[in-house]
């Protein structure tokens, strides 16, 4: 495996063959290859949106002992629930809820992500869906503040 393909794979989480094809399509341009993989991943994420996300978990987040969040988030399998990309997503979404105090799941999904305001929470979830290959759904959350 070439160093470029390995680097692309580490940056995107995509498979070797997908990285090779993206490099070929981008004519060796790394940034273009990343964009191609992300675009294809988002298309795949959209196609998975109708699948049932039956495995769920609760993620808690406490900020400075003053703000607490309990998030119920689902994927299709327990295997994905335990994966690093899913765990990172759950933590980021819970932290975002603590910081931004959305009124509902719909409002949460539309908000710009607190760590990167160029994407929404919905985009963040779609990106993780593309990485893990399963539908992900924020079911509900509650936020407490003292």
N, C-alpha and C. Protein backbone atom coordinates (compact mmCIF):
# COMPACT_ATOMS: atom_id res chain seq x y z
N UNK A 1 0.86 -1.18 0.00
CA UNK A 1 0.00 0.00 0.00
C UNK A 1 0.90 1.23 0.00
N UNK A 2 0.62 2.18 -0.90
CA UNK A 2 1.45 3.38 -0.97
C UNK A 2 1.22 4.26 0.25
N UNK A 3 2.19 5.12 0.53
CA UNK A 3 2.07 6.02 1.67
C UNK A 3 0.90 6.97 1.54
N UNK A 4 0.62 7.43 0.30
CA UNK A 4 -0.50 8.34 0.08
C UNK A 4 -1.83 7.66 0.40
N UNK A 5 -1.99 6.43 -0.04
CA UNK A 5 -3.23 5.70 0.22
C UNK A 5 -3.37 5.44 1.72
N UNK A 6 -2.27 5.10 2.36
CA UNK A 6 -2.29 4.87 3.81
C UNK A 6 -2.67 6.16 4.55
N UNK A 7 -2.09 7.28 4.13
CA UNK A 7 -2.40 8.57 4.73
C UNK A 7 -3.87 8.94 4.52
N UNK A 8 -4.38 8.69 3.32
CA UNK A 8 -5.78 8.97 3.00
C UNK A 8 -6.70 8.09 3.83
N UNK A 9 -6.32 6.86 3.99
CA UNK A 9 -7.12 5.92 4.78
C UNK A 9 -7.19 6.36 6.25
N UNK A 10 -6.05 6.80 6.78
CA UNK A 10 -6.02 7.28 8.17
C UNK A 10 -6.84 8.55 8.34
N UNK A 11 -6.82 9.41 7.33
CA UNK A 11 -7.55 10.68 7.41
C UNK A 11 -9.06 10.51 7.30
N UNK A 12 -9.50 9.50 6.55
CA UNK A 12 -10.93 9.38 6.26
C UNK A 12 -11.60 8.16 6.89
N UNK A 13 -10.83 7.14 7.23
CA UNK A 13 -11.41 5.91 7.75
C UNK A 13 -11.97 5.02 6.65
N UNK A 14 -11.75 5.39 5.39
CA UNK A 14 -12.26 4.61 4.26
C UNK A 14 -11.39 3.38 4.01
N UNK A 15 -11.92 2.42 3.28
CA UNK A 15 -11.19 1.20 2.97
C UNK A 15 -10.09 1.44 1.94
N UNK A 16 -9.18 0.49 1.84
CA UNK A 16 -8.04 0.61 0.93
C UNK A 16 -8.49 0.79 -0.52
N UNK A 17 -9.41 -0.05 -0.98
CA UNK A 17 -9.85 0.03 -2.37
C UNK A 17 -10.57 1.35 -2.65
N UNK A 18 -11.37 1.81 -1.70
CA UNK A 18 -12.05 3.09 -1.87
C UNK A 18 -11.04 4.23 -1.95
N UNK A 19 -9.99 4.18 -1.13
CA UNK A 19 -8.94 5.20 -1.17
C UNK A 19 -8.19 5.16 -2.50
N UNK A 20 -7.89 3.96 -2.98
CA UNK A 20 -7.18 3.82 -4.25
C UNK A 20 -8.03 4.40 -5.39
N UNK A 21 -9.32 4.08 -5.40
CA UNK A 21 -10.21 4.58 -6.44
C UNK A 21 -10.32 6.10 -6.37
N UNK A 22 -10.42 6.65 -5.15
CA UNK A 22 -10.52 8.10 -5.00
C UNK A 22 -9.25 8.78 -5.51
N UNK A 23 -8.08 8.19 -5.21
CA UNK A 23 -6.82 8.74 -5.71
C UNK A 23 -6.77 8.71 -7.23
N UNK A 24 -7.23 7.61 -7.81
CA UNK A 24 -7.26 7.51 -9.28
C UNK A 24 -8.20 8.57 -9.86
N UNK A 25 -9.39 8.72 -9.26
CA UNK A 25 -10.36 9.68 -9.75
C UNK A 25 -9.86 11.12 -9.58
N UNK A 26 -9.07 11.36 -8.52
CA UNK A 26 -8.54 12.70 -8.24
C UNK A 26 -7.21 12.94 -8.94
N UNK A 27 -6.76 11.97 -9.72
CA UNK A 27 -5.49 12.07 -10.44
C UNK A 27 -4.32 12.40 -9.51
N UNK A 28 -4.32 11.76 -8.32
CA UNK A 28 -3.22 11.89 -7.38
C UNK A 28 -3.29 13.09 -6.45
N UNK A 29 -4.32 13.92 -6.55
CA UNK A 29 -4.47 15.10 -5.69
C UNK A 29 -5.09 14.66 -4.35
N UNK A 30 -4.30 14.77 -3.26
CA UNK A 30 -4.74 14.28 -1.95
C UNK A 30 -6.02 14.98 -1.49
N UNK A 31 -6.04 16.32 -1.53
CA UNK A 31 -7.21 17.07 -1.06
C UNK A 31 -8.47 16.73 -1.86
N UNK A 32 -8.30 16.57 -3.15
CA UNK A 32 -9.42 16.20 -4.01
C UNK A 32 -9.91 14.79 -3.66
N UNK A 33 -8.97 13.88 -3.36
CA UNK A 33 -9.33 12.52 -2.99
C UNK A 33 -10.13 12.50 -1.68
N UNK A 34 -9.73 13.32 -0.72
CA UNK A 34 -10.47 13.43 0.55
C UNK A 34 -11.88 13.91 0.28
N UNK A 35 -12.01 14.93 -0.57
CA UNK A 35 -13.34 15.47 -0.90
C UNK A 35 -14.20 14.41 -1.58
N UNK A 36 -13.62 13.63 -2.48
CA UNK A 36 -14.35 12.57 -3.18
C UNK A 36 -14.85 11.53 -2.18
N UNK A 37 -14.00 11.10 -1.26
CA UNK A 37 -14.39 10.10 -0.27
C UNK A 37 -15.49 10.65 0.63
N UNK A 38 -15.36 11.90 1.07
CA UNK A 38 -16.39 12.49 1.92
C UNK A 38 -17.72 12.59 1.18
N UNK A 39 -17.68 13.00 -0.07
CA UNK A 39 -18.90 13.11 -0.87
C UNK A 39 -19.57 11.75 -1.03
N UNK A 40 -18.78 10.74 -1.36
CA UNK A 40 -19.34 9.40 -1.52
C UNK A 40 -19.87 8.87 -0.19
N UNK A 41 -19.19 9.18 0.90
CA UNK A 41 -19.63 8.75 2.21
C UNK A 41 -20.95 9.37 2.60
N UNK A 42 -21.14 10.65 2.30
CA UNK A 42 -22.40 11.31 2.62
C UNK A 42 -23.54 10.75 1.79
N UNK A 43 -23.28 10.39 0.54
CA UNK A 43 -24.30 9.75 -0.30
C UNK A 43 -24.71 8.42 0.32
N UNK A 44 -23.71 7.64 0.76
CA UNK A 44 -24.02 6.35 1.41
C UNK A 44 -24.76 6.57 2.72
N UNK A 45 -24.40 7.62 3.46
CA UNK A 45 -25.08 7.91 4.73
C UNK A 45 -26.55 8.22 4.48
N UNK A 46 -26.84 8.99 3.43
CA UNK A 46 -28.23 9.30 3.09
C UNK A 46 -29.01 8.02 2.78
N UNK A 47 -28.36 7.06 2.10
CA UNK A 47 -29.06 5.83 1.73
C UNK A 47 -29.33 4.94 2.94
N UNK A 48 -28.60 5.14 4.03
CA UNK A 48 -28.78 4.33 5.23
C UNK A 48 -29.80 4.94 6.20
N UNK A 49 -30.26 6.16 5.93
CA UNK A 49 -31.13 6.88 6.85
C UNK A 49 -32.44 6.16 7.14
N UNK A 50 -32.91 5.32 6.23
CA UNK A 50 -34.18 4.64 6.45
C UNK A 50 -34.03 3.34 7.24
N UNK A 51 -32.80 2.91 7.45
CA UNK A 51 -32.58 1.66 8.19
C UNK A 51 -32.82 1.85 9.68
N UNK A 52 -33.30 0.83 10.35
CA UNK A 52 -33.62 0.90 11.77
C UNK A 52 -32.37 0.93 12.61
N UNK A 53 -32.31 1.91 13.49
CA UNK A 53 -31.20 2.03 14.43
C UNK A 53 -31.68 1.45 15.76
N UNK A 54 -31.59 0.12 15.89
CA UNK A 54 -32.19 -0.57 17.02
C UNK A 54 -31.33 -0.72 18.25
N UNK A 55 -30.02 -0.56 18.14
CA UNK A 55 -29.12 -0.68 19.29
C UNK A 55 -28.88 0.71 19.85
N UNK A 56 -29.09 0.86 21.15
CA UNK A 56 -28.96 2.19 21.73
C UNK A 56 -28.05 2.22 22.94
N UNK A 57 -27.65 3.43 23.29
CA UNK A 57 -26.84 3.62 24.48
C UNK A 57 -27.15 4.99 25.09
N UNK A 58 -26.81 5.12 26.34
CA UNK A 58 -26.92 6.40 27.02
C UNK A 58 -25.51 6.96 27.21
N UNK A 59 -25.34 8.23 26.91
CA UNK A 59 -24.07 8.90 27.11
C UNK A 59 -24.31 10.05 28.06
N UNK A 60 -23.51 10.11 29.12
CA UNK A 60 -23.63 11.22 30.07
C UNK A 60 -22.44 12.15 29.91
N UNK A 61 -22.68 13.41 30.18
CA UNK A 61 -21.62 14.41 30.10
C UNK A 61 -21.89 15.45 31.17
N UNK A 62 -20.88 15.73 31.98
CA UNK A 62 -20.99 16.75 33.03
C UNK A 62 -19.91 17.79 32.78
N UNK A 63 -20.31 19.07 32.73
CA UNK A 63 -19.36 20.14 32.51
C UNK A 63 -19.20 20.98 33.78
N UNK A 64 -18.01 20.94 34.35
CA UNK A 64 -17.65 21.71 35.55
C UNK A 64 -18.61 21.53 36.72
N UNK A 65 -19.25 20.38 36.79
CA UNK A 65 -20.16 20.10 37.91
C UNK A 65 -21.39 20.99 37.92
N UNK A 66 -21.64 21.73 36.84
CA UNK A 66 -22.76 22.67 36.81
C UNK A 66 -23.78 22.39 35.71
N UNK A 67 -23.35 21.72 34.64
CA UNK A 67 -24.25 21.39 33.54
C UNK A 67 -24.10 19.90 33.25
N UNK A 68 -25.23 19.21 33.18
CA UNK A 68 -25.21 17.79 32.90
C UNK A 68 -26.13 17.44 31.74
N UNK A 69 -25.71 16.45 30.96
CA UNK A 69 -26.49 16.00 29.81
C UNK A 69 -26.58 14.48 29.85
N UNK A 70 -27.76 13.97 29.54
CA UNK A 70 -27.96 12.55 29.33
C UNK A 70 -28.53 12.40 27.92
N UNK A 71 -27.78 11.71 27.06
CA UNK A 71 -28.11 11.58 25.65
C UNK A 71 -28.43 10.14 25.33
N UNK A 72 -29.56 9.90 24.64
CA UNK A 72 -29.91 8.58 24.13
C UNK A 72 -29.64 8.60 22.63
N UNK A 73 -28.69 7.78 22.18
CA UNK A 73 -28.28 7.75 20.79
C UNK A 73 -28.25 6.31 20.31
N UNK A 74 -28.63 6.08 19.05
CA UNK A 74 -28.78 4.72 18.52
C UNK A 74 -27.96 4.51 17.25
N UNK A 75 -27.56 3.26 17.04
CA UNK A 75 -26.99 2.77 15.79
C UNK A 75 -27.70 1.46 15.49
N UNK A 76 -27.24 0.77 14.46
CA UNK A 76 -27.91 -0.48 14.07
C UNK A 76 -27.44 -1.68 14.88
N UNK A 77 -26.18 -1.67 15.34
CA UNK A 77 -25.63 -2.84 16.05
C UNK A 77 -24.83 -2.41 17.28
N UNK A 78 -24.71 -3.33 18.23
CA UNK A 78 -23.88 -3.10 19.41
C UNK A 78 -22.41 -2.92 19.03
N UNK A 79 -21.99 -3.59 17.98
CA UNK A 79 -20.61 -3.49 17.51
C UNK A 79 -20.24 -2.03 17.21
N UNK A 80 -21.11 -1.33 16.51
CA UNK A 80 -20.85 0.07 16.19
C UNK A 80 -20.94 0.95 17.43
N UNK A 81 -21.86 0.63 18.34
CA UNK A 81 -21.97 1.41 19.58
C UNK A 81 -20.63 1.46 20.33
N UNK A 82 -19.87 0.39 20.24
CA UNK A 82 -18.60 0.29 20.96
C UNK A 82 -17.42 0.86 20.17
N UNK A 83 -17.64 1.22 18.92
CA UNK A 83 -16.54 1.70 18.06
C UNK A 83 -16.09 3.11 18.48
N UNK A 84 -14.81 3.39 18.23
CA UNK A 84 -14.25 4.70 18.56
C UNK A 84 -14.96 5.85 17.86
N UNK A 85 -15.25 5.76 16.54
CA UNK A 85 -15.94 6.89 15.90
C UNK A 85 -17.31 7.18 16.53
N UNK A 86 -18.06 6.12 16.89
CA UNK A 86 -19.37 6.32 17.49
C UNK A 86 -19.24 6.93 18.89
N UNK A 87 -18.30 6.40 19.67
CA UNK A 87 -18.08 6.93 21.02
C UNK A 87 -17.68 8.40 20.98
N UNK A 88 -16.83 8.76 20.03
CA UNK A 88 -16.41 10.15 19.87
C UNK A 88 -17.61 11.02 19.48
N UNK A 89 -18.43 10.52 18.57
CA UNK A 89 -19.63 11.25 18.17
C UNK A 89 -20.55 11.48 19.36
N UNK A 90 -20.83 10.43 20.12
CA UNK A 90 -21.73 10.54 21.28
C UNK A 90 -21.21 11.58 22.26
N UNK A 91 -19.91 11.56 22.52
CA UNK A 91 -19.32 12.53 23.44
C UNK A 91 -19.43 13.95 22.88
N UNK A 92 -19.13 14.12 21.58
CA UNK A 92 -19.22 15.45 20.97
C UNK A 92 -20.64 15.99 20.98
N UNK A 93 -21.62 15.14 20.71
CA UNK A 93 -23.02 15.59 20.70
C UNK A 93 -23.46 15.96 22.12
N UNK A 94 -23.10 15.15 23.10
CA UNK A 94 -23.47 15.46 24.49
C UNK A 94 -22.81 16.77 24.95
N UNK A 95 -21.53 16.96 24.60
CA UNK A 95 -20.83 18.19 24.95
C UNK A 95 -21.49 19.40 24.25
N UNK A 96 -21.88 19.22 23.01
CA UNK A 96 -22.55 20.29 22.26
C UNK A 96 -23.87 20.67 22.95
N UNK A 97 -24.63 19.68 23.37
CA UNK A 97 -25.90 19.94 24.05
C UNK A 97 -25.66 20.74 25.32
N UNK A 98 -24.62 20.38 26.08
CA UNK A 98 -24.29 21.12 27.30
C UNK A 98 -23.97 22.58 26.99
N UNK A 99 -23.24 22.81 25.91
CA UNK A 99 -22.82 24.17 25.57
C UNK A 99 -23.92 25.01 24.93
N UNK A 100 -24.74 24.40 24.07
CA UNK A 100 -25.67 25.17 23.23
C UNK A 100 -27.13 25.10 23.64
N UNK A 101 -27.49 24.17 24.52
CA UNK A 101 -28.84 24.07 25.07
C UNK A 101 -29.95 24.08 24.01
N UNK A 102 -29.93 23.13 23.06
CA UNK A 102 -31.00 23.08 22.06
C UNK A 102 -32.33 22.71 22.71
N UNK A 103 -33.42 23.15 22.10
CA UNK A 103 -34.75 22.90 22.64
C UNK A 103 -35.29 21.52 22.33
N UNK A 104 -34.84 20.93 21.22
CA UNK A 104 -35.37 19.64 20.78
C UNK A 104 -34.31 18.93 19.95
N UNK A 105 -34.58 17.67 19.59
CA UNK A 105 -33.67 16.93 18.72
C UNK A 105 -33.58 17.62 17.37
N UNK A 106 -34.71 18.08 16.83
CA UNK A 106 -34.71 18.75 15.54
C UNK A 106 -33.86 20.02 15.58
N UNK A 107 -33.98 20.79 16.65
CA UNK A 107 -33.19 22.02 16.80
C UNK A 107 -31.70 21.66 16.94
N UNK A 108 -31.41 20.61 17.68
CA UNK A 108 -30.02 20.15 17.83
C UNK A 108 -29.40 19.83 16.49
N UNK A 109 -30.11 19.05 15.66
CA UNK A 109 -29.57 18.62 14.38
C UNK A 109 -29.28 19.80 13.44
N UNK A 110 -30.02 20.88 13.59
CA UNK A 110 -29.84 22.04 12.72
C UNK A 110 -28.75 22.99 13.20
N UNK A 111 -28.33 22.86 14.47
CA UNK A 111 -27.34 23.79 15.02
C UNK A 111 -25.95 23.59 14.44
N UNK A 112 -25.19 24.69 14.25
CA UNK A 112 -23.78 24.55 13.88
C UNK A 112 -23.03 23.89 15.04
N UNK A 113 -22.15 22.95 14.71
CA UNK A 113 -21.38 22.21 15.72
C UNK A 113 -20.47 23.17 16.46
N UNK A 114 -20.49 23.12 17.77
CA UNK A 114 -19.75 24.06 18.61
C UNK A 114 -18.22 23.98 18.38
N UNK A 115 -17.70 22.82 18.01
CA UNK A 115 -16.26 22.67 17.76
C UNK A 115 -15.85 23.06 16.34
N UNK A 116 -16.83 23.10 15.41
CA UNK A 116 -16.55 23.42 14.01
C UNK A 116 -17.83 23.97 13.40
N UNK A 117 -17.98 25.29 13.43
CA UNK A 117 -19.25 25.89 13.00
C UNK A 117 -19.50 25.86 11.49
N UNK A 118 -18.59 25.22 10.74
CA UNK A 118 -18.84 25.08 9.30
C UNK A 118 -19.71 23.87 8.99
N UNK A 119 -19.99 23.04 10.00
CA UNK A 119 -20.89 21.89 9.83
C UNK A 119 -21.96 21.91 10.91
N UNK A 120 -23.08 21.28 10.60
CA UNK A 120 -24.15 21.15 11.59
C UNK A 120 -23.99 19.82 12.33
N UNK A 121 -24.75 19.64 13.38
CA UNK A 121 -24.75 18.36 14.10
C UNK A 121 -25.23 17.26 13.16
N UNK A 122 -26.21 17.56 12.31
CA UNK A 122 -26.67 16.59 11.33
C UNK A 122 -25.52 16.15 10.42
N UNK A 123 -24.71 17.11 9.96
CA UNK A 123 -23.55 16.77 9.11
C UNK A 123 -22.54 15.92 9.87
N UNK A 124 -22.33 16.23 11.15
CA UNK A 124 -21.41 15.46 11.99
C UNK A 124 -21.88 14.01 12.08
N UNK A 125 -23.17 13.82 12.28
CA UNK A 125 -23.73 12.47 12.38
C UNK A 125 -23.61 11.74 11.04
N UNK A 126 -23.90 12.44 9.94
CA UNK A 126 -23.76 11.82 8.61
C UNK A 126 -22.32 11.40 8.34
N UNK A 127 -21.37 12.21 8.78
CA UNK A 127 -19.96 11.86 8.61
C UNK A 127 -19.60 10.60 9.35
N UNK A 128 -20.11 10.45 10.56
CA UNK A 128 -19.85 9.23 11.34
C UNK A 128 -20.58 8.05 10.73
N UNK A 129 -21.78 8.26 10.24
CA UNK A 129 -22.52 7.21 9.54
C UNK A 129 -21.71 6.70 8.37
N UNK A 130 -21.11 7.61 7.62
CA UNK A 130 -20.28 7.22 6.48
C UNK A 130 -19.08 6.38 6.92
N UNK A 131 -18.51 6.72 8.07
CA UNK A 131 -17.35 5.97 8.57
C UNK A 131 -17.72 4.58 9.06
N UNK A 132 -18.80 4.47 9.82
CA UNK A 132 -19.14 3.20 10.46
C UNK A 132 -20.07 2.33 9.62
N UNK A 133 -20.72 2.92 8.63
CA UNK A 133 -21.57 2.15 7.74
C UNK A 133 -22.93 1.79 8.29
N UNK A 134 -23.38 2.50 9.32
CA UNK A 134 -24.70 2.23 9.89
C UNK A 134 -25.45 3.53 10.12
N UNK A 135 -26.78 3.42 10.12
CA UNK A 135 -27.62 4.56 10.45
C UNK A 135 -27.42 4.91 11.92
N UNK A 136 -27.35 6.20 12.20
CA UNK A 136 -27.21 6.70 13.57
C UNK A 136 -28.33 7.70 13.81
N UNK A 137 -28.94 7.61 14.98
CA UNK A 137 -30.06 8.49 15.29
C UNK A 137 -29.98 8.98 16.73
N UNK A 138 -30.10 10.29 16.91
CA UNK A 138 -30.25 10.86 18.24
C UNK A 138 -31.72 10.71 18.60
N UNK A 139 -31.99 9.93 19.63
CA UNK A 139 -33.37 9.65 20.01
C UNK A 139 -33.94 10.77 20.89
N UNK A 140 -33.21 11.10 21.97
CA UNK A 140 -33.66 12.16 22.88
C UNK A 140 -32.51 12.53 23.81
N UNK A 141 -32.70 13.60 24.54
CA UNK A 141 -31.71 14.05 25.51
C UNK A 141 -32.38 14.88 26.58
N UNK A 142 -31.70 15.02 27.70
CA UNK A 142 -32.13 15.97 28.72
C UNK A 142 -30.89 16.71 29.21
N UNK A 143 -31.08 17.95 29.58
CA UNK A 143 -29.97 18.80 30.02
C UNK A 143 -30.37 19.44 31.33
N UNK A 144 -29.47 19.40 32.30
CA UNK A 144 -29.69 20.00 33.61
C UNK A 144 -28.61 21.04 33.86
N UNK A 145 -29.02 22.13 34.54
CA UNK A 145 -28.05 23.18 34.87
C UNK A 145 -28.35 23.69 36.27
N UNK A 146 -27.30 23.87 37.07
CA UNK A 146 -27.47 24.43 38.40
C UNK A 146 -26.74 25.75 38.52
